[in-house]
Amino acid sequence: MEQTSHRIRVQTPKGLPRQALVKYLDNCLRALPALKDAIQRADCEFIRVYGHGMKGCGAPYGFPKLTEIGAALERCAKARDVESIQRYATELGNYLEAVELEA
């Protein structure tokens, strides 16, 4: 992974079709509003499940940062630490907006 001028370039892992990664990233972006809604409602159970799913899927798709953020969201949701959840949700949104798949 290489970060260049606010873009984070990620190589497609061998054996995975690039289109699968594009779809995965698109799904992650489309799920952000549900996460933000859950944060506003302090729905820590939703956030825990959301984070758990991200933790399990990020690295296999070549996005270890998503695994890291997902684990943090899950941990903070269990602790009902809404302030930290907000911080990680912002980090997640920034990452997803910056990530770029290499050809």
C-alpha atoms as a PDB file:
ATOM      1  CA  MET A   1       0.000   0.000   0.000  1.00  0.00           C
ATOM      2  CA  GLU A   2       1.386   3.374  -0.991  1.00  0.00           C
ATOM      3  CA  GLN A   3      -0.046   6.757  -0.020  1.00  0.00           C
ATOM      4  CA  THR A   4       0.535   9.475  -2.602  1.00  0.00           C
ATOM      5  CA  SER A   5      -0.957  12.974  -2.429  1.00  0.00           C
ATOM      6  CA  HIS A   6      -3.926  11.964  -0.312  1.00  0.00           C
ATOM      7  CA  ARG A   7      -4.588   8.876  -2.439  1.00  0.00           C
ATOM      8  CA  ILE A   8      -3.947   5.428  -1.007  1.00  0.00           C
ATOM      9  CA  ARG A   9      -2.931   3.016  -3.729  1.00  0.00           C
ATOM     10  CA  VAL A  10      -3.697  -0.657  -3.095  1.00  0.00           C
ATOM     11  CA  GLN A  11      -2.616  -3.543  -5.290  1.00  0.00           C
ATOM     12  CA  THR A  12      -5.140  -6.223  -6.208  1.00  0.00           C
ATOM     13  CA  PRO A  13      -4.225  -9.435  -4.347  1.00  0.00           C
ATOM     14  CA  LYS A  14      -3.327 -12.342  -6.603  1.00  0.00           C
ATOM     15  CA  GLY A  15      -6.242 -14.621  -7.287  1.00  0.00           C
ATOM     16  CA  LEU A  16      -8.905 -11.993  -6.695  1.00  0.00           C
ATOM     17  CA  PRO A  17     -10.640 -10.381  -9.643  1.00  0.00           C
ATOM     18  CA  ARG A  18     -10.268  -6.608  -9.613  1.00  0.00           C
ATOM     19  CA  GLN A  19     -14.022  -6.234 -10.134  1.00  0.00           C
ATOM     20  CA  ALA A  20     -14.661  -8.051  -6.822  1.00  0.00           C
ATOM     21  CA  LEU A  21     -12.551  -5.449  -5.032  1.00  0.00           C
ATOM     22  CA  VAL A  22     -14.314  -2.587  -6.787  1.00  0.00           C
ATOM     23  CA  LYS A  23     -17.654  -4.017  -5.682  1.00  0.00           C
ATOM     24  CA  TYR A  24     -16.399  -4.564  -2.124  1.00  0.00           C
ATOM     25  CA  LEU A  25     -15.204  -0.949  -1.842  1.00  0.00           C
ATOM     26  CA  ASP A  26     -18.471   0.315  -3.312  1.00  0.00           C
ATOM     27  CA  ASN A  27     -20.427  -1.712  -0.745  1.00  0.00           C
ATOM     28  CA  CYS A  28     -18.277  -0.284   2.048  1.00  0.00           C
ATOM     29  CA  LEU A  29     -18.974   3.268   0.857  1.00  0.00           C
ATOM     30  CA  ARG A  30     -22.702   2.622   0.550  1.00  0.00           C
ATOM     31  CA  ALA A  31     -22.793   1.225   4.104  1.00  0.00           C
ATOM     32  CA  LEU A  32     -21.333   4.391   5.659  1.00  0.00           C
ATOM     33  CA  PRO A  33     -24.692   6.190   6.028  1.00  0.00           C
ATOM     34  CA  ALA A  34     -26.052   3.250   8.055  1.00  0.00           C
ATOM     35  CA  LEU A  35     -23.005   3.441  10.330  1.00  0.00           C
ATOM     36  CA  LYS A  36     -23.433   7.185  10.783  1.00  0.00           C
ATOM     37  CA  ASP A  37     -27.115   6.684  11.589  1.00  0.00           C
ATOM     38  CA  ALA A  38     -26.243   4.022  14.157  1.00  0.00           C
ATOM     39  CA  ILE A  39     -23.740   6.396  15.748  1.00  0.00           C
ATOM     40  CA  GLN A  40     -26.388   9.120  16.050  1.00  0.00           C
ATOM     41  CA  ARG A  41     -28.724   6.608  17.718  1.00  0.00           C
ATOM     42  CA  ALA A  42     -25.872   5.217  19.868  1.00  0.00           C
ATOM     43  CA  ASP A  43     -26.791   1.748  18.543  1.00  0.00           C
ATOM     44  CA  CYS A  44     -23.666   0.015  19.777  1.00  0.00           C
ATOM     45  CA  GLU A  45     -24.934  -3.447  18.839  1.00  0.00           C
ATOM     46  CA  PHE A  46     -25.280  -2.446  15.175  1.00  0.00           C
ATOM     47  CA  ILE A  47     -21.836  -0.817  15.288  1.00  0.00           C
ATOM     48  CA  ARG A  48     -20.320  -3.919  16.910  1.00  0.00           C
ATOM     49  CA  VAL A  49     -21.716  -6.192  14.191  1.00  0.00           C
ATOM     50  CA  TYR A  50     -20.686  -3.731  11.470  1.00  0.00           C
ATOM     51  CA  GLY A  51     -17.140  -3.552  12.829  1.00  0.00           C
ATOM     52  CA  HIS A  52     -16.936  -7.315  13.253  1.00  0.00           C
ATOM     53  CA  GLY A  53     -17.887  -7.862   9.615  1.00  0.00           C
ATOM     54  CA  MET A  54     -15.355  -5.327   8.415  1.00  0.00           C
ATOM     55  CA  LYS A  55     -12.680  -6.855  10.619  1.00  0.00           C
ATOM     56  CA  GLY A  56     -13.239 -10.232   8.998  1.00  0.00           C
ATOM     57  CA  CYS A  57     -13.385  -9.085   5.363  1.00  0.00           C
ATOM     58  CA  GLY A  58     -10.843  -6.288   5.008  1.00  0.00           C
ATOM     59  CA  ALA A  59      -7.545  -8.187   5.003  1.00  0.00           C
ATOM     60  CA  PRO A  60      -8.637 -11.047   2.706  1.00  0.00           C
ATOM     61  CA  TYR A  61      -9.591  -8.423   0.110  1.00  0.00           C
ATOM     62  CA  GLY A  62      -6.237  -6.700   0.482  1.00  0.00           C
ATOM     63  CA  PHE A  63      -7.332  -3.940   2.849  1.00  0.00           C
ATOM     64  CA  PRO A  64      -5.657  -4.574   6.225  1.00  0.00           C
ATOM     65  CA  LYS A  65      -6.523  -1.000   7.250  1.00  0.00           C
ATOM     66  CA  LEU A  66     -10.230  -1.900   7.015  1.00  0.00           C
ATOM     67  CA  THR A  67      -9.597  -4.894   9.268  1.00  0.00           C
ATOM     68  CA  GLU A  68      -7.855  -2.588  11.744  1.00  0.00           C
ATOM     69  CA  ILE A  69     -10.663  -0.020  11.714  1.00  0.00           C
ATOM     70  CA  GLY A  70     -13.318  -2.739  11.934  1.00  0.00           C
ATOM     71  CA  ALA A  71     -11.649  -4.257  14.988  1.00  0.00           C
ATOM     72  CA  ALA A  72     -11.480  -0.812  16.602  1.00  0.00           C
ATOM     73  CA  LEU A  73     -15.173  -0.156  15.897  1.00  0.00           C
ATOM     74  CA  GLU A  74     -16.106  -3.537  17.365  1.00  0.00           C
ATOM     75  CA  ARG A  75     -13.972  -2.968  20.469  1.00  0.00           C
ATOM     76  CA  CYS A  76     -15.302   0.570  21.024  1.00  0.00           C
ATOM     77  CA  ALA A  77     -18.908  -0.557  20.509  1.00  0.00           C
ATOM     78  CA  LYS A  78     -18.485  -3.241  23.172  1.00  0.00           C
ATOM     79  CA  ALA A  79     -17.173  -0.524  25.512  1.00  0.00           C
ATOM     80  CA  ARG A  80     -19.988   1.851  24.424  1.00  0.00           C
ATOM     81  CA  ASP A  81     -17.306   4.455  23.664  1.00  0.00           C
ATOM     82  CA  VAL A  82     -19.298   6.587  21.221  1.00  0.00           C
ATOM     83  CA  GLU A  83     -16.629   9.308  21.027  1.00  0.00           C
ATOM     84  CA  SER A  84     -14.000   6.818  19.809  1.00  0.00           C
ATOM     85  CA  ILE A  85     -16.526   5.191  17.484  1.00  0.00           C
ATOM     86  CA  GLN A  86     -17.051   8.588  15.840  1.00  0.00           C
ATOM     87  CA  ARG A  87     -13.310   9.035  15.421  1.00  0.00           C
ATOM     88  CA  TYR A  88     -12.915   5.611  13.777  1.00  0.00           C
ATOM     89  CA  ALA A  89     -15.954   6.182  11.560  1.00  0.00           C
ATOM     90  CA  THR A  90     -14.353   9.403  10.314  1.00  0.00           C
ATOM     91  CA  GLU A  91     -11.098   7.553   9.711  1.00  0.00           C
ATOM     92  CA  LEU A  92     -13.031   4.889   7.813  1.00  0.00           C
ATOM     93  CA  GLY A  93     -14.748   7.433   5.582  1.00  0.00           C
ATOM     94  CA  ASN A  94     -11.476   9.214   4.863  1.00  0.00           C
ATOM     95  CA  TYR A  95      -9.771   5.928   4.001  1.00  0.00           C
ATOM     96  CA  LEU A  96     -12.545   4.766   1.689  1.00  0.00           C
ATOM     97  CA  GLU A  97     -12.560   8.093  -0.130  1.00  0.00           C
ATOM     98  CA  ALA A  98      -8.767   7.998  -0.569  1.00  0.00           C
ATOM     99  CA  VAL A  99      -8.220   4.372  -1.541  1.00  0.00           C
ATOM    100  CA  GLU A 100      -7.460   3.686  -5.183  1.00  0.00           C
ATOM    101  CA  LEU A 101      -6.951   0.286  -6.781  1.00  0.00           C
ATOM    102  CA  GLU A 102      -3.858  -0.105  -8.912  1.00  0.00           C
ATOM    103  CA  ALA A 103      -4.447  -1.546 -12.349  1.00  0.00           C
END
